[in-house]
PDB file of N, CA and C in Angstrom:
ATOM      1  N   MET A   1      69.626 -46.858   8.217  1.00  0.00           N
ATOM      2  CA  MET A   1      68.940 -47.327   8.847  1.00  0.00           C
ATOM      3  C   MET A   1      68.078 -46.085   9.506  1.00  0.00           C
ATOM      4  N   ARG A   2      68.457 -45.160  10.051  1.00  0.00           N
ATOM      5  CA  ARG A   2      68.461 -43.617  10.750  1.00  0.00           C
ATOM      6  C   ARG A   2      67.601 -43.221   9.669  1.00  0.00           C
ATOM      7  N   PHE A   3      68.082 -43.090   8.835  1.00  0.00           N
ATOM      8  CA  PHE A   3      67.820 -41.953   7.479  1.00  0.00           C
ATOM      9  C   PHE A   3      66.383 -42.402   6.828  1.00  0.00           C
ATOM     10  N   VAL A   4      66.280 -43.833   6.944  1.00  0.00           N
ATOM     11  CA  VAL A   4      65.201 -44.730   6.295  1.00  0.00           C
ATOM     12  C   VAL A   4      64.196 -44.062   7.175  1.00  0.00           C
ATOM     13  N   LEU A   5      64.761 -44.434   8.880  1.00  0.00           N
ATOM     14  CA  LEU A   5      63.348 -43.899   9.468  1.00  0.00           C
ATOM     15  C   LEU A   5      63.035 -42.876  10.258  1.00  0.00           C
ATOM     16  N   LEU A   6      64.137 -41.531   9.864  1.00  0.00           N
ATOM     17  CA  LEU A   6      63.558 -40.807   9.857  1.00  0.00           C
ATOM     18  C   LEU A   6      62.703 -39.885   8.219  1.00  0.00           C
ATOM     19  N   SER A   7      63.045 -40.088   6.851  1.00  0.00           N
ATOM     20  CA  SER A   7      62.620 -40.124   5.824  1.00  0.00           C
ATOM     21  C   SER A   7      61.029 -40.527   6.031  1.00  0.00           C
ATOM     22  N   LEU A   8      60.725 -41.722   6.478  1.00  0.00           N
ATOM     23  CA  LEU A   8      59.600 -42.380   6.923  1.00  0.00           C
ATOM     24  C   LEU A   8      58.706 -41.584   7.666  1.00  0.00           C
ATOM     25  N   SER A   9      59.546 -41.251   8.989  1.00  0.00           N
ATOM     26  CA  SER A   9      58.613 -40.263   9.426  1.00  0.00           C
ATOM     27  C   SER A   9      58.202 -39.105   8.627  1.00  0.00           C
ATOM     28  N   PHE A  10      58.853 -38.609   8.235  1.00  0.00           N
ATOM     29  CA  PHE A  10      58.738 -37.065   7.884  1.00  0.00           C
ATOM     30  C   PHE A  10      57.566 -36.967   6.669  1.00  0.00           C
ATOM     31  N   ALA A  11      57.797 -38.346   6.086  1.00  0.00           N
ATOM     32  CA  ALA A  11      56.356 -38.396   4.938  1.00  0.00           C
ATOM     33  C   ALA A  11      55.270 -38.672   5.496  1.00  0.00           C
ATOM     34  N   LEU A  12      54.853 -39.584   6.306  1.00  0.00           N
ATOM     35  CA  LEU A  12      53.911 -39.845   7.323  1.00  0.00           C
ATOM     36  C   LEU A  12      53.185 -38.263   7.756  1.00  0.00           C
ATOM     37  N   ALA A  13      54.384 -37.736   8.614  1.00  0.00           N
ATOM     38  CA  ALA A  13      53.792 -36.155   8.950  1.00  0.00           C
ATOM     39  C   ALA A  13      53.818 -35.312   8.135  1.00  0.00           C
ATOM     40  N   THR A  14      54.240 -35.594   6.812  1.00  0.00           N
ATOM     41  CA  THR A  14      53.636 -34.340   5.771  1.00  0.00           C
ATOM     42  C   THR A  14      51.779 -35.196   4.987  1.00  0.00           C
ATOM     43  N   ALA A  15      52.053 -36.456   5.233  1.00  0.00           N
ATOM     44  CA  ALA A  15      50.573 -36.947   4.804  1.00  0.00           C
ATOM     45  C   ALA A  15      49.778 -36.424   5.288  1.00  0.00           C
ATOM     46  N   CYS A  16      50.114 -36.468   7.008  1.00  0.00           N
ATOM     47  CA  CYS A  16      48.554 -35.619   7.747  1.00  0.00           C
ATOM     48  C   CYS A  16      48.180 -34.435   8.296  1.00  0.00           C
ATOM     49  N   ALA A  17      49.489 -33.747   7.010  1.00  0.00           N
ATOM     50  CA  ALA A  17      49.052 -32.081   7.315  1.00  0.00           C
ATOM     51  C   ALA A  17      47.695 -31.189   6.192  1.00  0.00           C
ATOM     52  N   THR A  18      47.388 -30.955   6.808  1.00  0.00           N
ATOM     53  CA  THR A  18      46.142 -30.237   5.730  1.00  0.00           C
ATOM     54  C   THR A  18      46.247 -28.797   6.002  1.00  0.00           C
ATOM     55  N   GLY A  19      46.513 -27.867   4.949  1.00  0.00           N
ATOM     56  CA  GLY A  19      46.500 -26.170   4.696  1.00  0.00           C
ATOM     57  C   GLY A  19      45.325 -25.969   5.492  1.00  0.00           C
ATOM     58  N   SER A  20      45.550 -24.520   5.390  1.00  0.00           N
ATOM     59  CA  SER A  20      44.408 -23.992   6.544  1.00  0.00           C
ATOM     60  C   SER A  20      44.722 -22.402   5.810  1.00  0.00           C
ATOM     61  N   SER A  21      45.505 -21.889   5.401  1.00  0.00           N
ATOM     62  CA  SER A  21      45.967 -20.389   4.731  1.00  0.00           C
ATOM     63  C   SER A  21      46.693 -20.516   3.680  1.00  0.00           C
ATOM     64  N   GLY A  22      46.274 -19.717   2.731  1.00  0.00           N
ATOM     65  CA  GLY A  22      47.662 -19.607   1.804  1.00  0.00           C
ATOM     66  C   GLY A  22      48.497 -18.639   1.878  1.00  0.00           C
ATOM     67  N   GLN A  23      48.694 -18.591   3.081  1.00  0.00           N
ATOM     68  CA  GLN A  23      49.626 -17.683   3.450  1.00  0.00           C
ATOM     69  C   GLN A  23      51.359 -18.687   3.097  1.00  0.00           C
ATOM     70  N   ALA A  24      52.238 -17.785   2.863  1.00  0.00           N
ATOM     71  CA  ALA A  24      53.316 -19.071   2.690  1.00  0.00           C
ATOM     72  C   ALA A  24      54.462 -17.805   3.312  1.00  0.00           C
ATOM     73  N   SER A  25      54.323 -17.090   4.068  1.00  0.00           N
ATOM     74  CA  SER A  25      55.722 -16.214   4.973  1.00  0.00           C
ATOM     75  C   SER A  25      55.433 -16.949   6.282  1.00  0.00           C
ATOM     76  N   GLY A  26      56.685 -16.956   6.597  1.00  0.00           N
ATOM     77  CA  GLY A  26      56.840 -17.088   8.255  1.00  0.00           C
ATOM     78  C   GLY A  26      56.339 -15.591   9.145  1.00  0.00           C
ATOM     79  N   SER A  27      56.092 -14.716   8.448  1.00  0.00           N
ATOM     80  CA  SER A  27      56.089 -13.619   9.463  1.00  0.00           C
ATOM     81  C   SER A  27      54.676 -13.405  10.526  1.00  0.00           C
ATOM     82  N   ALA A  28      55.194 -12.556  11.310  1.00  0.00           N
ATOM     83  CA  ALA A  28      54.275 -12.471  12.847  1.00  0.00           C
ATOM     84  C   ALA A  28      53.273 -12.046  12.246  1.00  0.00           C
ATOM     85  N   GLY A  29      52.956 -11.803  11.470  1.00  0.00           N
ATOM     86  CA  GLY A  29      51.233 -11.564  10.911  1.00  0.00           C
ATOM     87  C   GLY A  29      50.747 -12.705  10.803  1.00  0.00           C
ATOM     88  N   SER A  30      51.344 -13.840  10.101  1.00  0.00           N
ATOM     89  CA  SER A  30      50.621 -14.856   9.993  1.00  0.00           C
ATOM     90  C   SER A  30      49.781 -15.753  10.773  1.00  0.00           C
ATOM     91  N   THR A  31      48.885 -16.699  10.359  1.00  0.00           N
ATOM     92  CA  THR A  31      47.939 -17.177  11.622  1.00  0.00           C
ATOM     93  C   THR A  31      47.962 -18.496  10.767  1.00  0.00           C
ATOM     94  N   ALA A  32      48.182 -19.409  11.912  1.00  0.00           N
ATOM     95  CA  ALA A  32      48.006 -20.884  11.350  1.00  0.00           C
ATOM     96  C   ALA A  32      46.260 -21.511  11.344  1.00  0.00           C
ATOM     97  N   ALA A  33      45.197 -20.657  12.011  1.00  0.00           N
ATOM     98  CA  ALA A  33      44.225 -21.172  12.259  1.00  0.00           C
ATOM     99  C   ALA A  33      43.867 -21.680  13.125  1.00  0.00           C
ATOM    100  N   VAL A  34      44.247 -21.054  14.586  1.00  0.00           N
ATOM    101  CA  VAL A  34      44.157 -21.439  15.779  1.00  0.00           C
ATOM    102  C   VAL A  34      43.401 -22.387  16.082  1.00  0.00           C
ATOM    103  N   GLY A  35      42.389 -21.483  15.432  1.00  0.00           N
ATOM    104  CA  GLY A  35      40.981 -22.867  16.089  1.00  0.00           C
ATOM    105  C   GLY A  35      40.601 -23.940  15.479  1.00  0.00           C
ATOM    106  N   ASP A  36      41.997 -23.972  14.479  1.00  0.00           N
ATOM    107  CA  ASP A  36      42.178 -25.259  13.506  1.00  0.00           C
ATOM    108  C   ASP A  36      42.931 -26.549  13.755  1.00  0.00           C
ATOM    109  N   CYS A  37      43.660 -26.099  15.456  1.00  0.00           N
ATOM    110  CA  CYS A  37      44.875 -26.988  15.076  1.00  0.00           C
ATOM    111  C   CYS A  37      44.263 -28.530  15.687  1.00  0.00           C
ATOM    112  N   GLY A  38      43.143 -28.816  15.838  1.00  0.00           N
ATOM    113  CA  GLY A  38      42.871 -30.328  15.937  1.00  0.00           C
ATOM    114  C   GLY A  38      43.553 -30.717  17.206  1.00  0.00           C
ATOM    115  N   PRO A  39      43.756 -32.018  17.042  1.00  0.00           N
ATOM    116  CA  PRO A  39      45.077 -32.343  18.516  1.00  0.00           C
ATOM    117  C   PRO A  39      45.914 -31.893  18.824  1.00  0.00           C
ATOM    118  N   MET A  40      46.310 -30.883  18.053  1.00  0.00           N
ATOM    119  CA  MET A  40      47.583 -29.897  18.363  1.00  0.00           C
ATOM    120  C   MET A  40      47.173 -28.897  18.918  1.00  0.00           C
ATOM    121  N   MET A  41      48.335 -28.206  19.462  1.00  0.00           N
ATOM    122  CA  MET A  41      47.890 -26.847  20.228  1.00  0.00           C
ATOM    123  C   MET A  41      48.162 -25.755  19.380  1.00  0.00           C
ATOM    124  N   ALA A  42      47.268 -24.409  20.198  1.00  0.00           N
ATOM    125  CA  ALA A  42      47.964 -23.096  19.416  1.00  0.00           C
ATOM    126  C   ALA A  42      49.388 -22.697  20.261  1.00  0.00           C
ATOM    127  N   ALA A  43      50.477 -22.433  19.324  1.00  0.00           N
ATOM    128  CA  ALA A  43      51.688 -22.083  20.107  1.00  0.00           C
ATOM    129  C   ALA A  43      52.019 -20.832  19.187  1.00  0.00           C
ATOM    130  N   HIS A  44      52.990 -19.705  19.757  1.00  0.00           N
ATOM    131  CA  HIS A  44      53.715 -18.881  19.456  1.00  0.00           C
ATOM    132  C   HIS A  44      55.463 -19.317  19.247  1.00  0.00           C
ATOM    133  N   ALA A  45      55.748 -18.636  18.386  1.00  0.00           N
ATOM    134  CA  ALA A  45      57.064 -19.258  17.776  1.00  0.00           C
ATOM    135  C   ALA A  45      57.764 -17.862  18.897  1.00  0.00           C
ATOM    136  N   GLY A  46      59.180 -18.147  19.043  1.00  0.00           N
ATOM    137  CA  GLY A  46      60.369 -17.412  19.756  1.00  0.00           C
ATOM    138  C   GLY A  46      60.437 -16.700  18.233  1.00  0.00           C
ATOM    139  N   ARG A  47      61.585 -15.893  19.038  1.00  0.00           N
ATOM    140  CA  ARG A  47      62.456 -14.765  17.610  1.00  0.00           C
ATOM    141  C   ARG A  47      63.340 -16.069  17.090  1.00  0.00           C
ATOM    142  N   GLY A  48      63.308 -15.669  15.790  1.00  0.00           N
ATOM    143  CA  GLY A  48      64.614 -17.116  14.964  1.00  0.00           C
ATOM    144  C   GLY A  48      64.122 -18.383  15.289  1.00  0.00           C
ATOM    145  N   THR A  49      62.958 -18.923  15.550  1.00  0.00           N
ATOM    146  CA  THR A  49      62.661 -20.204  15.730  1.00  0.00           C
ATOM    147  C   THR A  49      63.160 -20.932  14.536  1.00  0.00           C
ATOM    148  N   VAL A  50      64.157 -21.928  13.991  1.00  0.00           N
ATOM    149  CA  VAL A  50      64.156 -22.694  12.804  1.00  0.00           C
ATOM    150  C   VAL A  50      63.131 -23.725  12.855  1.00  0.00           C
ATOM    151  N   VAL A  51      62.335 -24.182  11.717  1.00  0.00           N
ATOM    152  CA  VAL A  51      61.629 -25.366  11.473  1.00  0.00           C
ATOM    153  C   VAL A  51      62.667 -26.284  10.660  1.00  0.00           C
ATOM    154  N   LEU A  52      62.671 -27.442  11.445  1.00  0.00           N
ATOM    155  CA  LEU A  52      63.266 -28.630  10.882  1.00  0.00           C
ATOM    156  C   LEU A  52      62.309 -29.534   9.959  1.00  0.00           C
ATOM    157  N   SER A  53      62.943 -30.305   8.836  1.00  0.00           N
ATOM    158  CA  SER A  53      62.471 -31.316   8.353  1.00  0.00           C
ATOM    159  C   SER A  53      62.064 -32.395   9.208  1.00  0.00           C
ATOM    160  N   ALA A  54      63.182 -32.367  10.234  1.00  0.00           N
ATOM    161  CA  ALA A  54      62.911 -33.960  11.039  1.00  0.00           C
ATOM    162  C   ALA A  54      63.230 -33.491  12.524  1.00  0.00           C
ATOM    163  N   PRO A  55      62.904 -34.031  13.324  1.00  0.00           N
ATOM    164  CA  PRO A  55      63.017 -33.774  14.862  1.00  0.00           C
ATOM    165  C   PRO A  55      64.691 -34.300  14.844  1.00  0.00           C
ATOM    166  N   ASP A  56      65.475 -33.482  14.689  1.00  0.00           N
ATOM    167  CA  ASP A  56      66.994 -33.838  14.552  1.00  0.00           C
ATOM    168  C   ASP A  56      67.846 -32.655  14.666  1.00  0.00           C
ATOM    169  N   ASN A  57      68.553 -32.410  14.928  1.00  0.00           N
ATOM    170  CA  ASN A  57      69.496 -30.672  14.645  1.00  0.00           C
ATOM    171  C   ASN A  57      70.450 -30.958  13.416  1.00  0.00           C
ATOM    172  N   ASN A  58      70.965 -31.781  13.096  1.00  0.00           N
ATOM    173  CA  ASN A  58      70.877 -32.188  11.506  1.00  0.00           C
ATOM    174  C   ASN A  58      70.518 -32.405  10.627  1.00  0.00           C
ATOM    175  N   ALA A  59      68.944 -32.166  10.967  1.00  0.00           N
ATOM    176  CA  ALA A  59      68.118 -32.318   9.658  1.00  0.00           C
ATOM    177  C   ALA A  59      67.792 -30.829   9.010  1.00  0.00           C
ATOM    178  N   ASN A  60      67.510 -30.334   7.334  1.00  0.00           N
ATOM    179  CA  ASN A  60      66.906 -29.735   6.576  1.00  0.00           C
ATOM    180  C   ASN A  60      66.508 -29.163   7.507  1.00  0.00           C
ATOM    181  N   THR A  61      66.769 -27.591   7.058  1.00  0.00           N
ATOM    182  CA  THR A  61      65.971 -26.140   7.832  1.00  0.00           C
ATOM    183  C   THR A  61      64.949 -26.067   6.772  1.00  0.00           C
ATOM    184  N   ILE A  62      63.775 -26.006   6.703  1.00  0.00           N
ATOM    185  CA  ILE A  62      62.083 -25.792   6.463  1.00  0.00           C
ATOM    186  C   ILE A  62      62.060 -24.107   6.061  1.00  0.00           C
ATOM    187  N   THR A  63      62.476 -23.312   7.458  1.00  0.00           N
ATOM    188  CA  THR A  63      62.257 -21.974   7.603  1.00  0.00           C
ATOM    189  C   THR A  63      62.500 -21.958   9.108  1.00  0.00           C
ATOM    190  N   THR A  64      62.410 -20.352   8.703  1.00  0.00           N
ATOM    191  CA  THR A  64      62.960 -19.865  10.501  1.00  0.00           C
ATOM    192  C   THR A  64      61.988 -18.465  10.460  1.00  0.00           C
ATOM    193  N   LEU A  65      61.216 -18.790  11.673  1.00  0.00           N
ATOM    194  CA  LEU A  65      60.250 -17.798  11.980  1.00  0.00           C
ATOM    195  C   LEU A  65      60.249 -16.885  12.911  1.00  0.00           C
ATOM    196  N   GLU A  66      59.547 -15.530  12.852  1.00  0.00           N
ATOM    197  CA  GLU A  66      60.075 -14.093  13.352  1.00  0.00           C
ATOM    198  C   GLU A  66      58.898 -14.692  14.511  1.00  0.00           C
ATOM    199  N   GLN A  67      59.343 -13.692  15.726  1.00  0.00           N
ATOM    200  CA  GLN A  67      58.487 -13.666  17.159  1.00  0.00           C
ATOM    201  C   GLN A  67      57.225 -13.642  16.262  1.00  0.00           C
ATOM    202  N   GLY A  68      56.737 -14.762  17.802  1.00  0.00           N
ATOM    203  CA  GLY A  68      55.123 -14.457  17.866  1.00  0.00           C
ATOM    204  C   GLY A  68      54.284 -14.922  17.150  1.00  0.00           C
ATOM    205  N   THR A  69      54.961 -16.019  15.479  1.00  0.00           N
ATOM    206  CA  THR A  69      53.834 -16.408  14.532  1.00  0.00           C
ATOM    207  C   THR A  69      53.192 -17.488  15.118  1.00  0.00           C
ATOM    208  N   ASP A  70      51.867 -17.355  14.789  1.00  0.00           N
ATOM    209  CA  ASP A  70      51.004 -18.570  15.318  1.00  0.00           C
ATOM    210  C   ASP A  70      51.510 -19.890  14.629  1.00  0.00           C
ATOM    211  N   ILE A  71      51.118 -20.943  15.539  1.00  0.00           N
ATOM    212  CA  ILE A  71      51.568 -22.251  14.938  1.00  0.00           C
ATOM    213  C   ILE A  71      50.646 -23.112  15.402  1.00  0.00           C
ATOM    214  N   CYS A  72      50.806 -24.261  15.154  1.00  0.00           N
ATOM    215  CA  CYS A  72      49.917 -25.911  16.005  1.00  0.00           C
ATOM    216  C   CYS A  72      51.053 -26.545  16.380  1.00  0.00           C
ATOM    217  N   ALA A  73      51.037 -26.933  17.965  1.00  0.00           N
ATOM    218  CA  ALA A  73      52.263 -27.704  17.868  1.00  0.00           C
ATOM    219  C   ALA A  73      51.881 -29.188  18.652  1.00  0.00           C
ATOM    220  N   SER A  74      52.591 -29.927  18.319  1.00  0.00           N
ATOM    221  CA  SER A  74      51.888 -30.678  19.132  1.00  0.00           C
ATOM    222  C   SER A  74      52.289 -30.855  20.622  1.00  0.00           C
ATOM    223  N   LYS A  75      51.565 -31.875  21.348  1.00  0.00           N
ATOM    224  CA  LYS A  75      51.527 -31.721  22.599  1.00  0.00           C
ATOM    225  C   LYS A  75      52.806 -32.555  23.551  1.00  0.00           C
ATOM    226  N   GLU A  76      52.953 -33.538  23.130  1.00  0.00           N
ATOM    227  CA  GLU A  76      53.864 -33.423  23.696  1.00  0.00           C
ATOM    228  C   GLU A  76      55.240 -33.581  22.336  1.00  0.00           C
ATOM    229  N   SER A  77      56.572 -34.396  23.168  1.00  0.00           N
ATOM    230  CA  SER A  77      58.091 -33.965  22.619  1.00  0.00           C
ATOM    231  C   SER A  77      58.051 -35.140  21.751  1.00  0.00           C
ATOM    232  N   ARG A  78      58.819 -35.083  20.865  1.00  0.00           N
ATOM    233  CA  ARG A  78      59.664 -35.886  19.884  1.00  0.00           C
ATOM    234  C   ARG A  78      61.228 -35.644  19.541  1.00  0.00           C
ATOM    235  N   GLY A  79      61.552 -37.416  19.156  1.00  0.00           N
ATOM    236  CA  GLY A  79      63.394 -36.629  20.278  1.00  0.00           C
ATOM    237  C   GLY A  79      63.707 -36.575  20.904  1.00  0.00           C
ATOM    238  N   PHE A  80      64.631 -35.339  21.559  1.00  0.00           N
ATOM    239  CA  PHE A  80      64.937 -34.716  22.167  1.00  0.00           C
ATOM    240  C   PHE A  80      64.735 -33.517  22.537  1.00  0.00           C
ATOM    241  N   GLY A  81      63.155 -33.184  22.710  1.00  0.00           N
ATOM    242  CA  GLY A  81      63.222 -31.918  23.034  1.00  0.00           C
ATOM    243  C   GLY A  81      62.493 -31.245  21.669  1.00  0.00           C
ATOM    244  N   PHE A  82      61.886 -31.856  20.950  1.00  0.00           N
ATOM    245  CA  PHE A  82      61.500 -31.727  19.587  1.00  0.00           C
ATOM    246  C   PHE A  82      59.801 -31.536  19.488  1.00  0.00           C
ATOM    247  N   ARG A  83      59.356 -30.553  19.417  1.00  0.00           N
ATOM    248  CA  ARG A  83      57.944 -30.832  18.753  1.00  0.00           C
ATOM    249  C   ARG A  83      57.278 -30.375  17.573  1.00  0.00           C
ATOM    250  N   ARG A  84      55.885 -31.267  16.980  1.00  0.00           N
ATOM    251  CA  ARG A  84      55.845 -31.625  15.479  1.00  0.00           C
ATOM    252  C   ARG A  84      55.147 -29.823  15.358  1.00  0.00           C
ATOM    253  N   VAL A  85      54.939 -29.432  14.436  1.00  0.00           N
ATOM    254  CA  VAL A  85      54.687 -28.134  14.195  1.00  0.00           C
ATOM    255  C   VAL A  85      53.793 -28.218  12.605  1.00  0.00           C
ATOM    256  N   ARG A  86      52.450 -27.272  12.826  1.00  0.00           N
ATOM    257  CA  ARG A  86      51.931 -27.230  11.712  1.00  0.00           C
ATOM    258  C   ARG A  86      52.234 -25.859  10.898  1.00  0.00           C
ATOM    259  N   LEU A  87      52.357 -25.422   9.963  1.00  0.00           N
ATOM    260  CA  LEU A  87      52.775 -23.571   9.596  1.00  0.00           C
ATOM    261  C   LEU A  87      51.250 -23.249   8.844  1.00  0.00           C
ATOM    262  N   ALA A  88      51.111 -21.755   9.116  1.00  0.00           N
ATOM    263  CA  ALA A  88      50.054 -21.393   8.081  1.00  0.00           C
ATOM    264  C   ALA A  88      50.244 -21.721   6.730  1.00  0.00           C
ATOM    265  N   ASP A  89      51.089 -22.299   5.783  1.00  0.00           N
ATOM    266  CA  ASP A  89      50.518 -22.577   4.594  1.00  0.00           C
ATOM    267  C   ASP A  89      50.573 -24.056   4.461  1.00  0.00           C
ATOM    268  N   GLY A  90      50.296 -24.778   5.736  1.00  0.00           N
ATOM    269  CA  GLY A  90      50.351 -26.467   5.712  1.00  0.00           C
ATOM    270  C   GLY A  90      51.537 -26.889   5.618  1.00  0.00           C
ATOM    271  N   ARG A  91      52.671 -26.782   6.016  1.00  0.00           N
ATOM    272  CA  ARG A  91      54.037 -27.355   5.855  1.00  0.00           C
ATOM    273  C   ARG A  91      53.879 -27.708   7.029  1.00  0.00           C
ATOM    274  N   VAL A  92      54.751 -28.889   7.157  1.00  0.00           N
ATOM    275  CA  VAL A  92      54.756 -29.860   8.897  1.00  0.00           C
ATOM    276  C   VAL A  92      56.069 -29.840   8.823  1.00  0.00           C
ATOM    277  N   GLY A  93      56.675 -29.172  10.288  1.00  0.00           N
ATOM    278  CA  GLY A  93      58.311 -29.608  10.210  1.00  0.00           C
ATOM    279  C   GLY A  93      58.214 -30.330  12.376  1.00  0.00           C
ATOM    280  N   PHE A  94      59.734 -29.566  12.717  1.00  0.00           N
ATOM    281  CA  PHE A  94      59.573 -29.819  13.995  1.00  0.00           C
ATOM    282  C   PHE A  94      60.365 -28.473  14.313  1.00  0.00           C
ATOM    283  N   VAL A  95      60.248 -28.126  15.591  1.00  0.00           N
ATOM    284  CA  VAL A  95      61.029 -27.169  16.585  1.00  0.00           C
ATOM    285  C   VAL A  95      61.500 -27.319  17.663  1.00  0.00           C
ATOM    286  N   ASP A  96      62.528 -26.762  18.601  1.00  0.00           N
ATOM    287  CA  ASP A  96      63.022 -27.253  19.228  1.00  0.00           C
ATOM    288  C   ASP A  96      61.724 -26.226  20.426  1.00  0.00           C
ATOM    289  N   GLU A  97      61.388 -27.481  21.221  1.00  0.00           N
ATOM    290  CA  GLU A  97      60.345 -27.077  22.202  1.00  0.00           C
ATOM    291  C   GLU A  97      60.680 -26.152  23.121  1.00  0.00           C
ATOM    292  N   HIS A  98      62.039 -25.274  23.539  1.00  0.00           N
ATOM    293  CA  HIS A  98      62.113 -24.191  24.028  1.00  0.00           C
ATOM    294  C   HIS A  98      62.202 -22.714  23.112  1.00  0.00           C
ATOM    295  N   ASN A  99      61.701 -23.086  22.009  1.00  0.00           N
ATOM    296  CA  ASN A  99      61.225 -21.796  21.532  1.00  0.00           C
ATOM    297  C   ASN A  99      59.703 -21.580  21.478  1.00  0.00           C
ATOM    298  N   LEU A 100      58.986 -22.450  21.564  1.00  0.00           N
ATOM    299  CA  LEU A 100      57.566 -22.213  21.778  1.00  0.00           C
ATOM    300  C   LEU A 100      57.059 -21.532  22.902  1.00  0.00           C
ATOM    301  N   ASP A 101      56.165 -20.502  22.796  1.00  0.00           N
ATOM    302  CA  ASP A 101      55.496 -20.149  23.963  1.00  0.00           C
ATOM    303  C   ASP A 101      53.804 -20.704  23.803  1.00  0.00           C
TER     304      ASP A 101
END
């Protein structure tokens, strides 16, 4: 049941994502079109921030970001201290909110 709920949550989050840049890199030079975060807020990733497929430390890793990577992040926490994020290439995932500046 938990897997189904997490899968559904991820599918809905992915369906709401919009791409804003052609960059697929998680480098510090990438931008998440900070002005286009919509209801999300502009944020910067801390060094080695892991982006997960669900708000769970056991979820699959989507990517690892470099220090200062620009991303859009939800204003509220999900699960136990995770924030939903949108990367510059339009991918959506979750990060530990302690890794956001």
